[in-house]
């Protein structure tokens, strides 16, 4: 990753991030099997003769004008972090906008959600001359197609970003 990721600090300044893979940190093994002061990344690996082997780590470095933060974690912890980031991103994208937006039927895109009492999501929109055929999907999973004039105003509760 690099500063082009769109990650910023609280003041809106870009924060470059570097992720390293397969750096090894010696695992400390105690009688209980793991280092009690280590983060909960699971048990450390040990060789058959009992000597600790280097555990694979994922390094995360955030570089900021005020200083640098360096973290590392086991691959499983990196997967849990990635899953939480993905969940939060989807929640943010699916949150209703502050106020509805109105677009012409010809501008509808897959994933747009119509404003109203019931959830209706655009599955597809096909233009045929001055008519737009929109296939909607309800929250209950039913689909149907409606025809609109291309300039008909459709009020949306939520609009997905252009890249999705």
C-alpha atoms as a PDB file:
ATOM      1  CA  UNK A   1       0.000   0.000   0.000  1.00  0.00           C
ATOM      2  CA  UNK A   2       1.063   3.565  -0.413  1.00  0.00           C
ATOM      3  CA  UNK A   3      -0.171   7.048   0.398  1.00  0.00           C
ATOM      4  CA  UNK A   4      -2.495   6.759  -2.597  1.00  0.00           C
ATOM      5  CA  UNK A   5      -4.826   4.567  -0.540  1.00  0.00           C
ATOM      6  CA  UNK A   6      -6.964   7.491   0.614  1.00  0.00           C
ATOM      7  CA  UNK A   7      -6.113   6.865   4.282  1.00  0.00           C
ATOM      8  CA  UNK A   8      -5.744  10.117   6.179  1.00  0.00           C
ATOM      9  CA  UNK A   9      -5.128  11.256   9.731  1.00  0.00           C
ATOM     10  CA  UNK A  10      -7.665  13.201  11.805  1.00  0.00           C
ATOM     11  CA  UNK A  11      -6.565  16.432  10.098  1.00  0.00           C
ATOM     12  CA  UNK A  12      -7.080  15.025   6.589  1.00  0.00           C
ATOM     13  CA  UNK A  13      -3.371  14.615   5.768  1.00  0.00           C
ATOM     14  CA  UNK A  14      -2.449  11.476   3.785  1.00  0.00           C
ATOM     15  CA  UNK A  15      -0.742   8.744   5.799  1.00  0.00           C
ATOM     16  CA  UNK A  16       1.485   6.438   3.750  1.00  0.00           C
ATOM     17  CA  UNK A  17       1.097   2.780   4.700  1.00  0.00           C
ATOM     18  CA  UNK A  18       3.550   0.004   4.005  1.00  0.00           C
ATOM     19  CA  UNK A  19       2.562  -3.628   4.460  1.00  0.00           C
ATOM     20  CA  UNK A  20       5.337  -6.209   4.558  1.00  0.00           C
ATOM     21  CA  UNK A  21       4.811  -9.917   4.222  1.00  0.00           C
ATOM     22  CA  UNK A  22       6.738 -12.826   5.661  1.00  0.00           C
ATOM     23  CA  UNK A  23       8.922 -10.929   8.095  1.00  0.00           C
ATOM     24  CA  UNK A  24       9.891 -13.280  10.861  1.00  0.00           C
ATOM     25  CA  UNK A  25       9.828 -12.474  14.540  1.00  0.00           C
ATOM     26  CA  UNK A  26      11.215 -15.079  16.953  1.00  0.00           C
ATOM     27  CA  UNK A  27       8.362 -16.735  18.813  1.00  0.00           C
ATOM     28  CA  UNK A  28       8.686 -16.924  22.574  1.00  0.00           C
ATOM     29  CA  UNK A  29       7.284 -20.125  23.987  1.00  0.00           C
ATOM     30  CA  UNK A  30       6.483 -20.618  27.684  1.00  0.00           C
ATOM     31  CA  UNK A  31       5.368 -23.701  29.582  1.00  0.00           C
ATOM     32  CA  UNK A  32       1.780 -22.849  28.579  1.00  0.00           C
ATOM     33  CA  UNK A  33       2.740 -22.902  24.895  1.00  0.00           C
ATOM     34  CA  UNK A  34       2.692 -19.173  24.096  1.00  0.00           C
ATOM     35  CA  UNK A  35       4.174 -15.918  25.312  1.00  0.00           C
ATOM     36  CA  UNK A  36       1.649 -14.454  27.784  1.00  0.00           C
ATOM     37  CA  UNK A  37       2.719 -10.910  26.854  1.00  0.00           C
ATOM     38  CA  UNK A  38       2.308 -11.482  23.125  1.00  0.00           C
ATOM     39  CA  UNK A  39      -0.858 -10.468  21.275  1.00  0.00           C
ATOM     40  CA  UNK A  40      -3.450 -13.216  20.856  1.00  0.00           C
ATOM     41  CA  UNK A  41      -2.298 -14.421  17.449  1.00  0.00           C
ATOM     42  CA  UNK A  42      -2.483 -18.108  18.318  1.00  0.00           C
ATOM     43  CA  UNK A  43       0.238 -20.463  19.511  1.00  0.00           C
ATOM     44  CA  UNK A  44       3.820 -20.026  18.403  1.00  0.00           C
ATOM     45  CA  UNK A  45       5.427 -22.683  16.228  1.00  0.00           C
ATOM     46  CA  UNK A  46       8.072 -24.953  17.664  1.00  0.00           C
ATOM     47  CA  UNK A  47      10.422 -27.304  15.895  1.00  0.00           C
ATOM     48  CA  UNK A  48      10.337 -31.026  16.769  1.00  0.00           C
ATOM     49  CA  UNK A  49      13.393 -30.579  19.014  1.00  0.00           C
ATOM     50  CA  UNK A  50      11.527 -27.930  21.047  1.00  0.00           C
ATOM     51  CA  UNK A  51      13.385 -24.884  19.706  1.00  0.00           C
ATOM     52  CA  UNK A  52      11.132 -21.992  18.734  1.00  0.00           C
ATOM     53  CA  UNK A  53      11.001 -21.349  15.001  1.00  0.00           C
ATOM     54  CA  UNK A  54      10.443 -17.934  13.529  1.00  0.00           C
ATOM     55  CA  UNK A  55       6.731 -17.251  13.190  1.00  0.00           C
ATOM     56  CA  UNK A  56       5.622 -15.600   9.913  1.00  0.00           C
ATOM     57  CA  UNK A  57       4.398 -12.063  10.526  1.00  0.00           C
ATOM     58  CA  UNK A  58       2.600  -9.327   8.617  1.00  0.00           C
ATOM     59  CA  UNK A  59       4.139  -5.891   9.206  1.00  0.00           C
ATOM     60  CA  UNK A  60       2.091  -2.697   9.031  1.00  0.00           C
ATOM     61  CA  UNK A  61       3.939   0.654   9.009  1.00  0.00           C
ATOM     62  CA  UNK A  62       2.073   3.980   9.109  1.00  0.00           C
ATOM     63  CA  UNK A  63       4.313   6.964   8.367  1.00  0.00           C
ATOM     64  CA  UNK A  64       3.090  10.310   9.670  1.00  0.00           C
ATOM     65  CA  UNK A  65       4.834  13.686  10.105  1.00  0.00           C
ATOM     66  CA  UNK A  66       4.447  13.266  13.878  1.00  0.00           C
ATOM     67  CA  UNK A  67       6.158   9.881  13.838  1.00  0.00           C
ATOM     68  CA  UNK A  68       5.901   6.340  12.656  1.00  0.00           C
ATOM     69  CA  UNK A  69       3.768   3.474  13.943  1.00  0.00           C
ATOM     70  CA  UNK A  70       4.908  -0.072  13.303  1.00  0.00           C
ATOM     71  CA  UNK A  71       2.738  -3.076  14.082  1.00  0.00           C
ATOM     72  CA  UNK A  72       3.000  -6.733  13.246  1.00  0.00           C
ATOM     73  CA  UNK A  73       0.638  -9.660  13.523  1.00  0.00           C
ATOM     74  CA  UNK A  74       0.244 -13.289  12.561  1.00  0.00           C
ATOM     75  CA  UNK A  75      -1.473 -14.036   9.246  1.00  0.00           C
ATOM     76  CA  UNK A  76      -4.707 -15.074  11.012  1.00  0.00           C
ATOM     77  CA  UNK A  77      -4.875 -11.731  12.848  1.00  0.00           C
ATOM     78  CA  UNK A  78      -4.288  -9.943   9.508  1.00  0.00           C
ATOM     79  CA  UNK A  79      -7.241 -11.872   8.044  1.00  0.00           C
ATOM     80  CA  UNK A  80      -9.448 -10.847  11.002  1.00  0.00           C
ATOM     81  CA  UNK A  81      -8.390  -7.205  10.541  1.00  0.00           C
ATOM     82  CA  UNK A  82      -9.102  -7.384   6.798  1.00  0.00           C
ATOM     83  CA  UNK A  83     -12.535  -8.911   7.484  1.00  0.00           C
ATOM     84  CA  UNK A  84     -13.387  -6.137   9.949  1.00  0.00           C
ATOM     85  CA  UNK A  85     -12.241  -3.463   7.481  1.00  0.00           C
ATOM     86  CA  UNK A  86     -14.337  -5.054   4.724  1.00  0.00           C
ATOM     87  CA  UNK A  87     -17.392  -5.232   7.020  1.00  0.00           C
ATOM     88  CA  UNK A  88     -16.964  -1.569   7.991  1.00  0.00           C
ATOM     89  CA  UNK A  89     -16.518  -0.515   4.339  1.00  0.00           C
ATOM     90  CA  UNK A  90     -19.716  -2.310   3.325  1.00  0.00           C
ATOM     91  CA  UNK A  91     -21.588  -0.787   6.261  1.00  0.00           C
ATOM     92  CA  UNK A  92     -20.389   2.699   5.298  1.00  0.00           C
ATOM     93  CA  UNK A  93     -21.337   2.203   1.635  1.00  0.00           C
ATOM     94  CA  UNK A  94     -24.748   0.820   2.533  1.00  0.00           C
ATOM     95  CA  UNK A  95     -25.612   3.531   5.065  1.00  0.00           C
ATOM     96  CA  UNK A  96     -28.437   5.755   3.888  1.00  0.00           C
ATOM     97  CA  UNK A  97     -27.339   9.118   2.553  1.00  0.00           C
ATOM     98  CA  UNK A  98     -28.218  12.259   4.471  1.00  0.00           C
ATOM     99  CA  UNK A  99     -30.995  13.014   1.999  1.00  0.00           C
ATOM    100  CA  UNK A 100     -32.394  11.335  -1.078  1.00  0.00           C
ATOM    101  CA  UNK A 101     -31.000  12.125  -4.501  1.00  0.00           C
ATOM    102  CA  UNK A 102     -33.114  12.337  -7.660  1.00  0.00           C
ATOM    103  CA  UNK A 103     -31.759  11.105 -11.003  1.00  0.00           C
ATOM    104  CA  UNK A 104     -33.234  10.541 -14.447  1.00  0.00           C
ATOM    105  CA  UNK A 105     -34.211   6.928 -15.177  1.00  0.00           C
ATOM    106  CA  UNK A 106     -31.509   6.842 -17.868  1.00  0.00           C
ATOM    107  CA  UNK A 107     -28.868   7.444 -15.173  1.00  0.00           C
ATOM    108  CA  UNK A 108     -29.800   4.486 -12.941  1.00  0.00           C
ATOM    109  CA  UNK A 109     -26.992   2.027 -12.128  1.00  0.00           C
ATOM    110  CA  UNK A 110     -26.950  -1.466 -10.685  1.00  0.00           C
ATOM    111  CA  UNK A 111     -27.072  -1.232  -6.879  1.00  0.00           C
ATOM    112  CA  UNK A 112     -29.008   2.057  -6.672  1.00  0.00           C
ATOM    113  CA  UNK A 113     -31.725   1.843  -3.981  1.00  0.00           C
ATOM    114  CA  UNK A 114     -35.059   3.554  -4.533  1.00  0.00           C
ATOM    115  CA  UNK A 115     -36.413   5.822  -1.815  1.00  0.00           C
ATOM    116  CA  UNK A 116     -39.648   4.574  -0.285  1.00  0.00           C
ATOM    117  CA  UNK A 117     -41.228   2.327   2.323  1.00  0.00           C
ATOM    118  CA  UNK A 118     -39.900  -0.900   0.801  1.00  0.00           C
ATOM    119  CA  UNK A 119     -36.375  -1.735  -0.303  1.00  0.00           C
ATOM    120  CA  UNK A 120     -36.057  -1.786  -4.096  1.00  0.00           C
ATOM    121  CA  UNK A 121     -32.617  -2.178  -5.643  1.00  0.00           C
ATOM    122  CA  UNK A 122     -31.717  -1.759  -9.317  1.00  0.00           C
ATOM    123  CA  UNK A 123     -30.553  -5.082 -10.768  1.00  0.00           C
ATOM    124  CA  UNK A 124     -30.165  -3.704 -14.300  1.00  0.00           C
ATOM    125  CA  UNK A 125     -31.180  -0.778 -16.486  1.00  0.00           C
ATOM    126  CA  UNK A 126     -31.356  -1.009 -20.280  1.00  0.00           C
ATOM    127  CA  UNK A 127     -32.091   1.906 -22.587  1.00  0.00           C
ATOM    128  CA  UNK A 128     -34.211   1.289 -25.681  1.00  0.00           C
ATOM    129  CA  UNK A 129     -34.481   4.609 -27.511  1.00  0.00           C
ATOM    130  CA  UNK A 130     -36.234   7.061 -25.172  1.00  0.00           C
ATOM    131  CA  UNK A 131     -37.428   4.262 -22.853  1.00  0.00           C
ATOM    132  CA  UNK A 132     -35.439   2.769 -19.981  1.00  0.00           C
ATOM    133  CA  UNK A 133     -36.269  -0.770 -18.816  1.00  0.00           C
ATOM    134  CA  UNK A 134     -35.309  -1.088 -15.140  1.00  0.00           C
ATOM    135  CA  UNK A 135     -35.232  -4.447 -13.396  1.00  0.00           C
ATOM    136  CA  UNK A 136     -35.831  -4.002  -9.680  1.00  0.00           C
ATOM    137  CA  UNK A 137     -35.281  -6.498  -6.875  1.00  0.00           C
ATOM    138  CA  UNK A 138     -37.269  -6.269  -3.653  1.00  0.00           C
ATOM    139  CA  UNK A 139     -35.915  -6.917  -0.169  1.00  0.00           C
ATOM    140  CA  UNK A 140     -37.939 -10.159  -0.255  1.00  0.00           C
ATOM    141  CA  UNK A 141     -36.023 -11.301  -3.361  1.00  0.00           C
ATOM    142  CA  UNK A 142     -38.713 -10.763  -6.021  1.00  0.00           C
ATOM    143  CA  UNK A 143     -37.680  -9.182  -9.339  1.00  0.00           C
ATOM    144  CA  UNK A 144     -39.723  -7.264 -11.912  1.00  0.00           C
ATOM    145  CA  UNK A 145     -39.084  -4.899 -14.799  1.00  0.00           C
ATOM    146  CA  UNK A 146     -40.655  -1.469 -15.289  1.00  0.00           C
ATOM    147  CA  UNK A 147     -40.377   0.892 -18.247  1.00  0.00           C
ATOM    148  CA  UNK A 148     -39.731   4.626 -17.734  1.00  0.00           C
ATOM    149  CA  UNK A 149     -39.152   7.624 -19.965  1.00  0.00           C
ATOM    150  CA  UNK A 150     -35.379   8.247 -19.942  1.00  0.00           C
ATOM    151  CA  UNK A 151     -35.856  11.630 -18.261  1.00  0.00           C
ATOM    152  CA  UNK A 152     -38.353  10.377 -15.614  1.00  0.00           C
ATOM    153  CA  UNK A 153     -37.263  11.495 -12.137  1.00  0.00           C
ATOM    154  CA  UNK A 154     -36.413   8.575  -9.817  1.00  0.00           C
ATOM    155  CA  UNK A 155     -35.692   9.369  -6.158  1.00  0.00           C
ATOM    156  CA  UNK A 156     -32.965   7.234  -4.609  1.00  0.00           C
ATOM    157  CA  UNK A 157     -32.290   6.547  -0.973  1.00  0.00           C
ATOM    158  CA  UNK A 158     -28.761   5.395  -1.694  1.00  0.00           C
ATOM    159  CA  UNK A 159     -26.462   5.694  -4.680  1.00  0.00           C
ATOM    160  CA  UNK A 160     -23.414   3.486  -5.024  1.00  0.00           C
ATOM    161  CA  UNK A 161     -20.135   5.060  -6.028  1.00  0.00           C
ATOM    162  CA  UNK A 162     -19.161   5.092  -9.694  1.00  0.00           C
ATOM    163  CA  UNK A 163     -16.468   2.404  -9.338  1.00  0.00           C
ATOM    164  CA  UNK A 164     -18.710  -0.309  -7.855  1.00  0.00           C
END
